[in-house]
Protein backbone atom coordinates (compact mmCIF):
# COMPACT_ATOMS: atom_id res chain seq x y z
CA UNK A 1 0.01 -0.03 -0.04
CA UNK A 2 1.25 3.56 -0.82
CA UNK A 3 0.16 6.85 0.66
CA UNK A 4 0.12 9.93 -1.53
CA UNK A 5 -0.54 13.63 -0.90
CA UNK A 6 -2.22 15.44 -3.78
CA UNK A 7 -1.75 19.13 -4.19
CA UNK A 8 -2.97 21.83 -6.69
CA UNK A 9 0.79 21.74 -8.05
CA UNK A 10 1.39 19.34 -10.98
CA UNK A 11 3.46 16.43 -9.47
CA UNK A 12 6.10 15.21 -11.90
CA UNK A 13 8.59 12.36 -11.73
CA UNK A 14 11.42 12.04 -9.37
CA UNK A 15 13.70 15.01 -9.19
CA UNK A 16 17.19 13.84 -8.09
CA UNK A 17 18.57 17.35 -7.83
CA UNK A 18 17.49 17.83 -4.34
CA UNK A 19 20.04 20.63 -3.72
CA UNK A 20 18.11 22.93 -6.06
CA UNK A 21 15.26 22.91 -3.61
CA UNK A 22 17.35 24.27 -0.73
CA UNK A 23 15.39 27.51 -0.71
CA UNK A 24 12.19 25.56 -0.13
CA UNK A 25 13.05 25.39 3.61
CA UNK A 26 11.55 27.92 6.06
CA UNK A 27 12.68 28.79 9.48
CA UNK A 28 9.36 30.54 10.43
CA UNK A 29 8.03 29.75 13.77
CA UNK A 30 5.41 26.93 13.80
CA UNK A 31 1.81 27.99 13.92
CA UNK A 32 -0.14 27.57 17.19
CA UNK A 33 -2.60 24.77 17.35
CA UNK A 34 -5.44 27.27 17.34
CA UNK A 35 -4.32 28.72 13.99
CA UNK A 36 -4.54 25.29 12.41
CA UNK A 37 -7.71 23.95 10.73
CA UNK A 38 -9.66 21.37 12.84
CA UNK A 39 -8.42 18.54 10.50
CA UNK A 40 -4.88 19.06 11.69
CA UNK A 41 -5.69 20.28 15.25
CA UNK A 42 -6.96 16.71 15.81
CA UNK A 43 -3.67 15.21 14.81
CA UNK A 44 -1.84 16.78 17.62
CA UNK A 45 -1.87 14.54 20.83
CA UNK A 46 -2.65 16.02 24.15
CA UNK A 47 -1.32 12.98 26.08
CA UNK A 48 0.73 9.85 25.63
CA UNK A 49 2.24 6.71 27.07
CA UNK A 50 6.12 7.07 26.84
CA UNK A 51 8.80 4.33 27.17
CA UNK A 52 10.50 4.05 30.48
CA UNK A 53 14.09 5.23 30.82
CA UNK A 54 13.89 7.89 28.11
CA UNK A 55 14.39 11.54 28.82
CA UNK A 56 13.81 14.16 25.93
CA UNK A 57 13.92 17.87 25.39
CA UNK A 58 13.26 20.52 22.71
CA UNK A 59 14.76 24.00 22.97
CA UNK A 60 15.77 26.91 20.87
CA UNK A 61 19.48 27.12 20.37
CA UNK A 62 18.87 30.31 18.10
CA UNK A 63 19.95 28.42 14.89
CA UNK A 64 16.44 29.40 13.61
CA UNK A 65 16.22 33.18 13.34
CA UNK A 66 12.69 33.02 14.45
CA UNK A 67 13.52 31.72 17.85
CA UNK A 68 11.56 28.55 17.32
CA UNK A 69 12.67 25.35 18.87
CA UNK A 70 15.41 23.79 16.83
CA UNK A 71 17.49 21.38 18.95
CA UNK A 72 16.00 18.02 20.26
CA UNK A 73 17.55 15.42 22.43
CA UNK A 74 16.35 11.96 23.03
CA UNK A 75 18.45 10.22 25.73
CA UNK A 76 18.57 6.82 27.70
CA UNK A 77 20.94 7.74 30.45
CA UNK A 78 20.62 4.64 32.43
CA UNK A 79 20.09 1.92 29.95
CA UNK A 80 22.30 1.44 26.72
CA UNK A 81 20.12 0.97 23.64
CA UNK A 82 20.20 -1.41 20.70
CA UNK A 83 19.84 0.86 17.70
CA UNK A 84 19.05 0.65 14.00
CA UNK A 85 18.67 3.08 11.24
CA UNK A 86 17.61 3.44 7.64
CA UNK A 87 19.37 6.14 5.66
CA UNK A 88 18.71 8.05 2.47
CA UNK A 89 19.96 6.47 -0.75
CA UNK A 90 20.74 9.82 -2.18
CA UNK A 91 24.43 9.87 -3.59
CA UNK A 92 24.90 13.15 -1.68
CA UNK A 93 24.70 12.04 1.73
CA UNK A 94 24.84 14.82 4.49
CA UNK A 95 27.33 14.82 7.24
CA UNK A 96 25.05 13.68 9.98
CA UNK A 97 24.03 10.74 7.80
CA UNK A 98 27.69 9.67 7.42
CA UNK A 99 28.49 10.17 11.06
CA UNK A 100 25.60 8.30 12.46
CA UNK A 101 26.06 5.39 9.88
CA UNK A 102 29.72 5.11 11.04
CA UNK A 103 28.89 5.21 14.69
CA UNK A 104 26.27 2.39 14.25
CA UNK A 105 28.74 0.24 12.26
CA UNK A 106 31.56 0.81 14.80
CA UNK A 107 29.23 -0.04 17.75
CA UNK A 108 27.66 -2.94 16.18
CA UNK A 109 24.14 -1.39 16.71
CA UNK A 110 24.57 -1.48 20.54
CA UNK A 111 25.63 0.84 23.40
CA UNK A 112 23.72 3.93 22.24
CA UNK A 113 22.62 6.33 24.85
CA UNK A 114 21.20 9.34 22.73
CA UNK A 115 20.10 11.17 19.70
CA UNK A 116 20.70 14.80 18.97
CA UNK A 117 18.67 16.35 16.13
CA UNK A 118 18.80 20.00 14.98
CA UNK A 119 16.57 21.68 12.56
CA UNK A 120 17.06 24.99 10.43
CA UNK A 121 20.48 23.82 9.09
CA UNK A 122 20.95 20.53 7.31
CA UNK A 123 24.73 20.32 7.43
CA UNK A 124 24.46 18.87 3.92
CA UNK A 125 27.01 19.62 1.08
CA UNK A 126 29.39 20.99 3.68
CA UNK A 127 32.53 19.03 2.98
CA UNK A 128 35.13 17.92 5.67
CA UNK A 129 34.05 20.71 8.07
CA UNK A 130 30.44 19.60 8.01
CA UNK A 131 31.69 16.08 9.10
CA UNK A 132 33.60 17.61 11.82
CA UNK A 133 30.79 19.68 13.02
CA UNK A 134 28.68 16.34 13.13
CA UNK A 135 31.27 14.50 15.20
CA UNK A 136 31.41 17.58 17.55
CA UNK A 137 27.72 17.28 18.10
CA UNK A 138 28.21 13.52 18.90
CA UNK A 139 30.88 14.16 21.33
CA UNK A 140 28.89 16.99 23.05
CA UNK A 141 26.02 14.57 23.68
CA UNK A 142 28.41 11.83 24.74
CA UNK A 143 29.53 14.22 27.29
CA UNK A 144 26.11 15.13 28.54
CA UNK A 145 25.06 11.40 28.91
CA UNK A 146 28.46 10.40 30.40
CA UNK A 147 28.96 7.56 27.85
CA UNK A 148 31.67 7.81 25.20
CA UNK A 149 30.92 6.98 21.55
CA UNK A 150 27.21 6.38 22.40
CA UNK A 151 25.28 8.98 20.39
CA UNK A 152 23.60 9.53 16.97
CA UNK A 153 22.95 12.63 15.13
CA UNK A 154 20.32 14.01 12.61
CA UNK A 155 19.95 17.41 10.95
CA UNK A 156 17.37 19.04 8.79
CA UNK A 157 16.89 22.36 7.04
CA UNK A 158 18.82 24.68 4.69
CA UNK A 159 21.34 22.70 2.56
CA UNK A 160 24.79 24.19 1.81
CA UNK A 161 25.17 26.13 5.06
CA UNK A 162 27.45 25.29 7.92
CA UNK A 163 26.11 24.95 11.31
CA UNK A 164 26.47 27.65 14.00
CA UNK A 165 28.44 25.30 16.22
CA UNK A 166 28.78 27.80 19.10
CA UNK A 167 25.02 27.84 19.40
CA UNK A 168 24.54 24.30 18.90
CA UNK A 169 27.17 23.10 21.45
CA UNK A 170 25.75 25.64 23.98
CA UNK A 171 22.22 24.40 23.18
CA UNK A 172 23.31 20.86 23.79
CA UNK A 173 24.70 21.90 27.18
CA UNK A 174 21.40 23.98 28.16
CA UNK A 175 19.28 20.94 27.09
CA UNK A 176 20.45 18.96 30.12
CA UNK A 177 18.27 21.02 32.46
CA UNK A 178 15.32 20.67 30.07
CA UNK A 179 15.27 16.89 29.85
CA UNK A 180 12.09 15.16 31.15
CA UNK A 181 9.82 12.27 30.34
CA UNK A 182 6.20 13.65 30.39
CA UNK A 183 4.12 14.58 27.58
CA UNK A 184 5.18 18.30 27.67
CA UNK A 185 8.91 17.21 27.15
CA UNK A 186 7.93 15.04 24.29
CA UNK A 187 5.91 17.83 22.66
CA UNK A 188 8.78 20.09 22.92
CA UNK A 189 11.08 17.55 21.31
CA UNK A 190 8.68 16.99 18.33
CA UNK A 191 8.42 20.68 17.79
CA UNK A 192 12.11 21.03 17.57
CA UNK A 193 12.21 18.61 14.63
CA UNK A 194 9.97 20.96 12.55
CA UNK A 195 10.88 22.88 9.43
CA UNK A 196 8.16 23.61 7.03
CA UNK A 197 5.81 21.31 9.01
CA UNK A 198 2.68 22.85 10.21
CA UNK A 199 2.24 20.73 13.29
CA UNK A 200 4.48 18.45 15.44
CA UNK A 201 4.17 14.78 14.52
CA UNK A 202 4.23 12.63 17.71
CA UNK A 203 2.76 9.37 18.56
CA UNK A 204 2.97 6.85 21.42
CA UNK A 205 1.40 3.48 22.08
CA UNK A 206 1.39 0.45 24.59
CA UNK A 207 1.72 -3.09 23.44
CA UNK A 208 2.28 -6.54 24.82
CA UNK A 209 4.00 -9.66 23.40
CA UNK A 210 2.49 -13.25 23.43
CA UNK A 211 4.98 -14.68 25.87
CA UNK A 212 4.97 -11.87 28.43
CA UNK A 213 2.32 -10.07 30.27
CA UNK A 214 4.48 -6.94 30.55
CA UNK A 215 3.22 -3.78 29.11
CA UNK A 216 5.72 -2.16 26.72
CA UNK A 217 5.66 1.39 25.29
CA UNK A 218 6.65 2.87 21.97
CA UNK A 219 7.05 6.61 21.10
CA UNK A 220 7.94 8.15 17.76
CA UNK A 221 8.63 11.73 16.17
CA UNK A 222 8.78 12.37 12.54
CA UNK A 223 9.13 15.49 10.22
CA UNK A 224 8.56 16.17 6.67
CA UNK A 225 6.27 18.48 4.61
CA UNK A 226 8.08 18.55 1.19
CA UNK A 227 10.80 16.64 -0.73
CA UNK A 228 9.02 13.32 0.33
CA UNK A 229 9.17 10.23 -1.93
CA UNK A 230 9.84 6.39 -1.79
CA UNK A 231 13.30 5.73 -0.27
CA UNK A 232 12.60 8.75 1.81
CA UNK A 233 13.47 12.53 1.23
CA UNK A 234 13.79 15.40 3.55
CA UNK A 235 12.36 13.16 6.17
CA UNK A 236 13.54 12.44 9.75
CA UNK A 237 12.06 9.98 12.16
CA UNK A 238 12.98 8.62 15.63
CA UNK A 239 11.11 5.66 17.28
CA UNK A 240 12.04 4.37 20.73
CA UNK A 241 10.67 1.68 22.84
CA UNK A 242 11.42 0.28 26.38
CA UNK A 243 11.39 -3.41 25.00
CA UNK A 244 14.84 -4.99 24.90
CA UNK A 245 15.60 -6.20 21.36
CA UNK A 246 18.86 -7.55 20.02
CA UNK A 247 20.61 -5.30 17.49
CA UNK A 248 20.32 -7.50 14.52
CA UNK A 249 16.77 -8.09 14.96
CA UNK A 250 16.08 -4.49 15.47
CA UNK A 251 17.58 -3.63 12.13
CA UNK A 252 15.56 -6.31 10.43
CA UNK A 253 12.29 -5.08 12.06
CA UNK A 254 13.11 -1.46 11.19
CA UNK A 255 13.83 -2.18 7.63
CA UNK A 256 10.73 -4.24 7.25
CA UNK A 257 8.64 -1.44 8.84
CA UNK A 258 10.14 1.40 6.78
CA UNK A 259 9.61 -0.45 3.59
CA UNK A 260 5.92 -0.65 4.46
CA UNK A 261 5.55 2.83 5.58
CA UNK A 262 8.06 5.74 5.12
CA UNK A 263 9.13 4.16 1.74
CA UNK A 264 5.60 3.87 0.58
CA UNK A 265 4.73 7.66 0.76
CA UNK A 266 5.07 10.53 -1.85
CA UNK A 267 4.33 14.13 -1.46
CA UNK A 268 6.21 15.83 -4.38
CA UNK A 269 8.65 13.20 -5.94
CA UNK A 270 11.87 14.66 -4.53
CA UNK A 271 14.81 12.99 -2.79
CA UNK A 272 16.94 14.58 -0.24
CA UNK A 273 20.44 14.27 1.47
CA UNK A 274 19.45 13.82 5.10
CA UNK A 275 16.78 11.20 5.38
CA UNK A 276 17.00 9.11 8.45
CA UNK A 277 14.70 6.94 10.38
CA UNK A 278 16.13 5.62 13.65
CA UNK A 279 15.04 3.04 16.15
CA UNK A 280 16.30 2.79 19.69
CA UNK A 281 15.29 -0.12 22.14
CA UNK A 282 16.61 0.39 25.70
CA UNK A 283 14.96 -2.62 27.57
CA UNK A 284 13.70 -0.14 30.29
CA UNK A 285 10.57 -2.05 30.95
CA UNK A 286 12.55 -5.05 32.01
CA UNK A 287 15.55 -3.28 33.79
CA UNK A 288 17.62 -2.90 30.60
CA UNK A 289 17.49 -6.70 29.62
CA UNK A 290 17.06 -7.84 26.08
CA UNK A 291 13.81 -9.73 25.83
CA UNK A 292 13.56 -10.43 22.15
CA UNK A 293 16.64 -12.24 20.51
CA UNK A 294 15.05 -14.89 18.44
CA UNK A 295 14.07 -14.09 14.94
CA UNK A 296 11.73 -17.13 14.85
CA UNK A 297 9.89 -16.41 17.92
CA UNK A 298 6.22 -15.25 18.39
CA UNK A 299 7.46 -12.31 20.31
CA UNK A 300 9.76 -10.98 17.48
CA UNK A 301 6.85 -11.31 15.01
CA UNK A 302 4.46 -9.44 17.31
CA UNK A 303 7.13 -6.62 17.83
CA UNK A 304 7.71 -6.40 14.08
CA UNK A 305 3.84 -6.12 13.47
CA UNK A 306 3.54 -3.45 16.11
CA UNK A 307 6.51 -1.58 14.90
CA UNK A 308 5.27 -1.60 11.25
CA UNK A 309 1.69 -0.44 12.28
CA UNK A 310 3.28 2.34 14.31
CA UNK A 311 5.59 3.49 11.50
CA UNK A 312 2.67 3.56 9.10
CA UNK A 313 0.74 5.99 11.40
CA UNK A 314 3.82 8.25 11.65
CA UNK A 315 4.34 8.22 7.87
CA UNK A 316 0.78 9.15 7.26
CA UNK A 317 1.14 12.15 9.40
CA UNK A 318 3.90 13.35 6.91
CA UNK A 319 1.58 12.89 4.00
CA UNK A 320 -1.29 14.65 5.80
CA UNK A 321 1.06 17.68 6.20
CA UNK A 322 2.43 17.76 2.75
CA UNK A 323 3.28 21.17 1.44
CA UNK A 324 0.31 22.30 -0.83
CA UNK A 325 -1.53 18.91 -0.17
CA UNK A 326 -5.40 18.85 -0.32
CA UNK A 327 -6.02 15.13 -0.58
CA UNK A 328 -4.78 12.07 1.26
CA UNK A 329 -4.87 9.08 -0.92
CA UNK A 330 -4.34 5.45 -0.23
CA UNK A 331 -3.32 3.12 -3.13
CA UNK A 332 -3.54 -0.64 -2.74
CA UNK A 333 -2.12 -2.99 -5.48
CA UNK A 334 -3.26 -6.53 -5.34
């Protein structure tokens, strides 16, 4: 099944020249919920059930001239996470994509304690300096959580500009006192992901596995309003769960879920340089223990199904907020 956003613009074929669209990004402050039409207001959650062991924040580091939130942290200070990610297939891969991919490969998908995301500047097409800046962001979050080589990074925004690293690094330090685990903190975090989005895209859920009566939780944030096409585009997503899952299984489950969700949507046929969907599992519901480690088990199958349904819900939020979109269309091919 595919999900399409239809607008009054004529949608052509895939445009692989994403860099030409850099000017499409805006750093305007997001509209208040009261200024949104009812159809979008109802998509903003007023409460949630969030995974144990995760602390999050969203603040303004003044990268956006508007003063809107632009720096998000998602941390698991007490429990190391298994981690997985799916990245853009664009040949021009942004510095944060390279840095996060390398970190995951070096760590074998384990030992991750946090994710730092900035909006307003994509840190894309920025050469060796851009890569050094992405690494500095990783090191700053490592210092905040107290765990070396344990962080991932994502960026979204204007292409071809360097990050204002003095503001970013100060913002990461300032974020420590803003961390928390309630709905307000998660909403702040979701708002900090936004670029041309008109509303924060946040979802959470509870679920159980066949072989356990334990209640597990899952939360996810995504962003994207333009340059969205199969194999992702200017799209970021982070999903976290307090279920403990072995790293290899986590990557398998995420790839399966993304292929049936984020890679099945199209807004305007463009690809981008920064696309990342990441998945962190800290085992917080079971004291940090890995519960799912057998790919043939009923528990893994149940987790994979829950994750796929959750990713589909998140990806549909992106389509519903597509730039210029007036219709939401589901296409099923039998």
